[in-house]
């Protein structure tokens, strides 16, 4: 990567880290806290910009925007899964039928596979056990057949992650 690409990667990483810091911080009105956020974000960007952004050719801004749009959908899925798990636990018959499923996805990018694995694990009732990056094979534990079918049959989560990272699914 050329020097210009490194500056671009640093800038994008710094902006994302600083926005994340502002999102998590409760004290953005204090100059001390803003300066601490800038310094922390710059340090993280300096140390890790090449992990997040490899160059302009990867359409990082478009992927970042798509990921930003994906997050509310994932948060809604977490809410729905929480309700489902609460129902299963509080139901007198406890309709829990744990299972381990395996499926393959066409996703191959590191960020795409990591995003899918984390999305599955963040959703209550499912947890990613293993991921084989070479063939996109996932092994997932599910609390019951319905959450497992959502990953095997409907594949909405895989399709949305593929859209974010511009990979076919």
C-alpha atoms as a PDB file:
ATOM      1  CA  UNK A   1       0.000   0.000   0.000  1.00  0.00           C
ATOM      2  CA  UNK A   2       1.300   3.445  -0.820  1.00  0.00           C
ATOM      3  CA  UNK A   3       1.780   6.251   1.678  1.00  0.00           C
ATOM      4  CA  UNK A   4      -1.455   7.949   0.583  1.00  0.00           C
ATOM      5  CA  UNK A   5      -3.428   4.748   1.269  1.00  0.00           C
ATOM      6  CA  UNK A   6      -2.010   4.559   4.795  1.00  0.00           C
ATOM      7  CA  UNK A   7      -3.162   8.122   5.475  1.00  0.00           C
ATOM      8  CA  UNK A   8      -6.631   7.258   4.217  1.00  0.00           C
ATOM      9  CA  UNK A   9      -6.736   4.162   6.428  1.00  0.00           C
ATOM     10  CA  UNK A  10      -5.556   6.143   9.434  1.00  0.00           C
ATOM     11  CA  UNK A  11      -8.161   8.854   8.815  1.00  0.00           C
ATOM     12  CA  UNK A  12     -11.071   6.417   8.443  1.00  0.00           C
ATOM     13  CA  UNK A  13      -9.984   4.422  11.500  1.00  0.00           C
ATOM     14  CA  UNK A  14      -9.523   7.600  13.558  1.00  0.00           C
ATOM     15  CA  UNK A  15     -12.985   8.899  12.598  1.00  0.00           C
ATOM     16  CA  UNK A  16     -14.664   5.575  13.390  1.00  0.00           C
ATOM     17  CA  UNK A  17     -12.857   5.258  16.735  1.00  0.00           C
ATOM     18  CA  UNK A  18     -13.628   8.834  17.737  1.00  0.00           C
ATOM     19  CA  UNK A  19     -17.313   8.488  16.805  1.00  0.00           C
ATOM     20  CA  UNK A  20     -17.437   5.262  18.810  1.00  0.00           C
ATOM     21  CA  UNK A  21     -15.751   7.002  21.739  1.00  0.00           C
ATOM     22  CA  UNK A  22     -18.304   9.855  21.595  1.00  0.00           C
ATOM     23  CA  UNK A  23     -21.125   7.298  21.429  1.00  0.00           C
ATOM     24  CA  UNK A  24     -19.877   5.561  24.583  1.00  0.00           C
ATOM     25  CA  UNK A  25     -18.809   8.683  26.467  1.00  0.00           C
ATOM     26  CA  UNK A  26     -21.128  10.583  28.736  1.00  0.00           C
ATOM     27  CA  UNK A  27     -18.826  13.588  29.134  1.00  0.00           C
ATOM     28  CA  UNK A  28     -18.341  15.085  25.675  1.00  0.00           C
ATOM     29  CA  UNK A  29     -18.866  18.659  26.890  1.00  0.00           C
ATOM     30  CA  UNK A  30     -15.624  18.637  28.892  1.00  0.00           C
ATOM     31  CA  UNK A  31     -12.514  19.743  26.954  1.00  0.00           C
ATOM     32  CA  UNK A  32     -10.398  17.279  28.950  1.00  0.00           C
ATOM     33  CA  UNK A  33     -12.578  14.343  27.892  1.00  0.00           C
ATOM     34  CA  UNK A  34     -12.686  15.455  24.260  1.00  0.00           C
ATOM     35  CA  UNK A  35      -8.880  15.745  24.161  1.00  0.00           C
ATOM     36  CA  UNK A  36      -8.567  12.343  25.845  1.00  0.00           C
ATOM     37  CA  UNK A  37     -10.915  10.918  23.183  1.00  0.00           C
ATOM     38  CA  UNK A  38      -8.905  12.454  20.357  1.00  0.00           C
ATOM     39  CA  UNK A  39      -5.620  11.157  21.780  1.00  0.00           C
ATOM     40  CA  UNK A  40      -7.043   7.680  22.446  1.00  0.00           C
ATOM     41  CA  UNK A  41      -8.634   7.477  19.003  1.00  0.00           C
ATOM     42  CA  UNK A  42      -5.440   8.665  17.312  1.00  0.00           C
ATOM     43  CA  UNK A  43      -3.362   6.101  19.223  1.00  0.00           C
ATOM     44  CA  UNK A  44      -5.731   3.253  18.315  1.00  0.00           C
ATOM     45  CA  UNK A  45      -5.857   4.438  14.688  1.00  0.00           C
ATOM     46  CA  UNK A  46      -2.056   4.636  14.518  1.00  0.00           C
ATOM     47  CA  UNK A  47      -1.631   1.110  15.919  1.00  0.00           C
ATOM     48  CA  UNK A  48      -4.424  -0.616  14.023  1.00  0.00           C
ATOM     49  CA  UNK A  49      -5.379   1.310  10.877  1.00  0.00           C
ATOM     50  CA  UNK A  50      -3.975  -1.390   8.617  1.00  0.00           C
ATOM     51  CA  UNK A  51      -6.246  -3.984  10.268  1.00  0.00           C
ATOM     52  CA  UNK A  52      -9.435  -2.101   9.431  1.00  0.00           C
ATOM     53  CA  UNK A  53      -8.612  -0.438   6.116  1.00  0.00           C
ATOM     54  CA  UNK A  54      -6.302  -2.053   3.606  1.00  0.00           C
ATOM     55  CA  UNK A  55      -6.780   0.546   0.874  1.00  0.00           C
ATOM     56  CA  UNK A  56      -9.245   2.635  -1.102  1.00  0.00           C
ATOM     57  CA  UNK A  57      -9.957  -0.192  -3.513  1.00  0.00           C
ATOM     58  CA  UNK A  58     -11.967  -2.034  -0.870  1.00  0.00           C
ATOM     59  CA  UNK A  59     -14.827   0.510  -0.914  1.00  0.00           C
ATOM     60  CA  UNK A  60     -14.501   0.929   2.844  1.00  0.00           C
ATOM     61  CA  UNK A  61     -16.831   3.915   3.024  1.00  0.00           C
ATOM     62  CA  UNK A  62     -19.647   2.069   1.253  1.00  0.00           C
ATOM     63  CA  UNK A  63     -19.121  -1.042   3.377  1.00  0.00           C
ATOM     64  CA  UNK A  64     -19.030   1.099   6.533  1.00  0.00           C
ATOM     65  CA  UNK A  65     -22.304   2.763   5.560  1.00  0.00           C
ATOM     66  CA  UNK A  66     -23.904  -0.624   4.870  1.00  0.00           C
ATOM     67  CA  UNK A  67     -22.624  -1.956   8.200  1.00  0.00           C
ATOM     68  CA  UNK A  68     -24.049   1.130   9.912  1.00  0.00           C
ATOM     69  CA  UNK A  69     -27.440   0.290   8.322  1.00  0.00           C
ATOM     70  CA  UNK A  70     -27.090  -3.383   9.348  1.00  0.00           C
ATOM     71  CA  UNK A  71     -26.603  -2.637  13.050  1.00  0.00           C
ATOM     72  CA  UNK A  72     -30.216  -1.505  13.776  1.00  0.00           C
ATOM     73  CA  UNK A  73     -31.516  -4.634  12.048  1.00  0.00           C
ATOM     74  CA  UNK A  74     -29.209  -6.796  14.179  1.00  0.00           C
ATOM     75  CA  UNK A  75     -30.276  -4.963  17.348  1.00  0.00           C
ATOM     76  CA  UNK A  76     -33.923  -5.671  16.455  1.00  0.00           C
ATOM     77  CA  UNK A  77     -33.078  -9.358  15.957  1.00  0.00           C
ATOM     78  CA  UNK A  78     -31.487  -9.377  19.410  1.00  0.00           C
ATOM     79  CA  UNK A  79     -34.678  -7.915  20.916  1.00  0.00           C
ATOM     80  CA  UNK A  80     -36.843 -10.512  19.139  1.00  0.00           C
ATOM     81  CA  UNK A  81     -34.519 -13.347  20.188  1.00  0.00           C
ATOM     82  CA  UNK A  82     -34.593 -12.134  23.812  1.00  0.00           C
ATOM     83  CA  UNK A  83     -38.377 -12.299  23.753  1.00  0.00           C
ATOM     84  CA  UNK A  84     -38.236 -15.793  22.228  1.00  0.00           C
ATOM     85  CA  UNK A  85     -35.759 -17.068  24.824  1.00  0.00           C
ATOM     86  CA  UNK A  86     -37.750 -15.498  27.669  1.00  0.00           C
ATOM     87  CA  UNK A  87     -40.905 -17.187  26.353  1.00  0.00           C
ATOM     88  CA  UNK A  88     -39.164 -20.550  26.158  1.00  0.00           C
ATOM     89  CA  UNK A  89     -37.726 -20.270  29.660  1.00  0.00           C
ATOM     90  CA  UNK A  90     -40.916 -18.999  31.287  1.00  0.00           C
ATOM     91  CA  UNK A  91     -43.297 -21.337  29.445  1.00  0.00           C
ATOM     92  CA  UNK A  92     -44.513 -24.143  31.751  1.00  0.00           C
ATOM     93  CA  UNK A  93     -43.450 -26.847  29.276  1.00  0.00           C
ATOM     94  CA  UNK A  94     -40.126 -25.126  28.469  1.00  0.00           C
ATOM     95  CA  UNK A  95     -40.106 -25.747  24.687  1.00  0.00           C
ATOM     96  CA  UNK A  96     -36.348 -26.032  24.540  1.00  0.00           C
ATOM     97  CA  UNK A  97     -34.772 -28.539  22.173  1.00  0.00           C
ATOM     98  CA  UNK A  98     -31.042 -27.722  21.912  1.00  0.00           C
ATOM     99  CA  UNK A  99     -29.273 -28.704  18.729  1.00  0.00           C
ATOM    100  CA  UNK A 100     -26.000 -28.159  16.914  1.00  0.00           C
ATOM    101  CA  UNK A 101     -26.295 -27.275  13.251  1.00  0.00           C
ATOM    102  CA  UNK A 102     -23.773 -26.922  10.473  1.00  0.00           C
ATOM    103  CA  UNK A 103     -24.138 -24.799   7.377  1.00  0.00           C
ATOM    104  CA  UNK A 104     -21.942 -23.328   4.686  1.00  0.00           C
ATOM    105  CA  UNK A 105     -22.054 -19.778   3.436  1.00  0.00           C
ATOM    106  CA  UNK A 106     -20.496 -18.156   0.399  1.00  0.00           C
ATOM    107  CA  UNK A 107     -18.910 -15.494   2.621  1.00  0.00           C
ATOM    108  CA  UNK A 108     -15.113 -15.612   2.556  1.00  0.00           C
ATOM    109  CA  UNK A 109     -13.858 -12.231   3.753  1.00  0.00           C
ATOM    110  CA  UNK A 110     -12.468 -12.065   7.263  1.00  0.00           C
ATOM    111  CA  UNK A 111     -14.739  -9.182   8.285  1.00  0.00           C
ATOM    112  CA  UNK A 112     -17.793 -10.816   6.703  1.00  0.00           C
ATOM    113  CA  UNK A 113     -17.216 -14.136   8.485  1.00  0.00           C
ATOM    114  CA  UNK A 114     -16.454 -12.385  11.774  1.00  0.00           C
ATOM    115  CA  UNK A 115     -19.547 -10.200  11.480  1.00  0.00           C
ATOM    116  CA  UNK A 116     -21.765 -13.217  10.805  1.00  0.00           C
ATOM    117  CA  UNK A 117     -20.208 -15.240  13.643  1.00  0.00           C
ATOM    118  CA  UNK A 118     -20.583 -12.342  16.094  1.00  0.00           C
ATOM    119  CA  UNK A 119     -24.132 -11.607  14.927  1.00  0.00           C
ATOM    120  CA  UNK A 120     -25.106 -15.222  15.562  1.00  0.00           C
ATOM    121  CA  UNK A 121     -23.477 -15.227  18.999  1.00  0.00           C
ATOM    122  CA  UNK A 122     -24.976 -11.858  19.988  1.00  0.00           C
ATOM    123  CA  UNK A 123     -28.455 -13.138  19.173  1.00  0.00           C
ATOM    124  CA  UNK A 124     -29.811 -14.927  22.269  1.00  0.00           C
ATOM    125  CA  UNK A 125     -30.568 -18.590  21.712  1.00  0.00           C
ATOM    126  CA  UNK A 126     -27.678 -19.177  19.308  1.00  0.00           C
ATOM    127  CA  UNK A 127     -23.925 -19.289  19.656  1.00  0.00           C
ATOM    128  CA  UNK A 128     -21.219 -19.837  17.062  1.00  0.00           C
ATOM    129  CA  UNK A 129     -19.049 -22.808  17.964  1.00  0.00           C
ATOM    130  CA  UNK A 130     -16.602 -22.899  15.049  1.00  0.00           C
ATOM    131  CA  UNK A 131     -15.972 -21.195  11.720  1.00  0.00           C
ATOM    132  CA  UNK A 132     -13.866 -22.669   8.942  1.00  0.00           C
ATOM    133  CA  UNK A 133     -12.856 -19.670   6.792  1.00  0.00           C
ATOM    134  CA  UNK A 134     -11.632 -21.704   3.804  1.00  0.00           C
ATOM    135  CA  UNK A 135     -15.041 -23.175   3.020  1.00  0.00           C
ATOM    136  CA  UNK A 136     -17.305 -20.818   5.004  1.00  0.00           C
ATOM    137  CA  UNK A 137     -18.531 -23.639   7.226  1.00  0.00           C
ATOM    138  CA  UNK A 138     -20.203 -22.677  10.491  1.00  0.00           C
ATOM    139  CA  UNK A 139     -21.104 -24.840  13.452  1.00  0.00           C
ATOM    140  CA  UNK A 140     -23.763 -23.236  15.660  1.00  0.00           C
ATOM    141  CA  UNK A 141     -25.567 -24.266  18.833  1.00  0.00           C
ATOM    142  CA  UNK A 142     -29.233 -23.273  18.913  1.00  0.00           C
ATOM    143  CA  UNK A 143     -31.704 -23.385  21.775  1.00  0.00           C
ATOM    144  CA  UNK A 144     -34.430 -24.899  19.566  1.00  0.00           C
ATOM    145  CA  UNK A 145     -35.347 -25.812  15.990  1.00  0.00           C
ATOM    146  CA  UNK A 146     -36.836 -22.402  15.073  1.00  0.00           C
ATOM    147  CA  UNK A 147     -33.650 -20.348  15.618  1.00  0.00           C
ATOM    148  CA  UNK A 148     -31.694 -23.072  13.811  1.00  0.00           C
ATOM    149  CA  UNK A 149     -34.102 -22.980  10.850  1.00  0.00           C
ATOM    150  CA  UNK A 150     -33.650 -19.219  10.593  1.00  0.00           C
ATOM    151  CA  UNK A 151     -29.955 -19.833   9.906  1.00  0.00           C
ATOM    152  CA  UNK A 152     -30.409 -22.917   7.720  1.00  0.00           C
ATOM    153  CA  UNK A 153     -33.511 -22.163   5.656  1.00  0.00           C
ATOM    154  CA  UNK A 154     -34.313 -18.449   5.626  1.00  0.00           C
ATOM    155  CA  UNK A 155     -30.674 -17.277   5.803  1.00  0.00           C
ATOM    156  CA  UNK A 156     -31.658 -13.616   6.250  1.00  0.00           C
ATOM    157  CA  UNK A 157     -28.646 -12.881   8.431  1.00  0.00           C
ATOM    158  CA  UNK A 158     -26.212 -14.395   5.897  1.00  0.00           C
ATOM    159  CA  UNK A 159     -27.840 -12.407   3.080  1.00  0.00           C
ATOM    160  CA  UNK A 160     -27.656  -9.147   5.008  1.00  0.00           C
ATOM    161  CA  UNK A 161     -23.985  -9.667   5.922  1.00  0.00           C
ATOM    162  CA  UNK A 162     -23.238 -10.567   2.284  1.00  0.00           C
ATOM    163  CA  UNK A 163     -24.898  -7.317   1.216  1.00  0.00           C
ATOM    164  CA  UNK A 164     -22.835  -5.307   3.721  1.00  0.00           C
ATOM    165  CA  UNK A 165     -19.536  -6.727   2.498  1.00  0.00           C
ATOM    166  CA  UNK A 166     -20.558  -6.993  -1.165  1.00  0.00           C
ATOM    167  CA  UNK A 167     -20.152 -10.761  -1.303  1.00  0.00           C
ATOM    168  CA  UNK A 168     -22.578 -13.055  -3.040  1.00  0.00           C
ATOM    169  CA  UNK A 169     -24.615 -15.429  -0.941  1.00  0.00           C
END
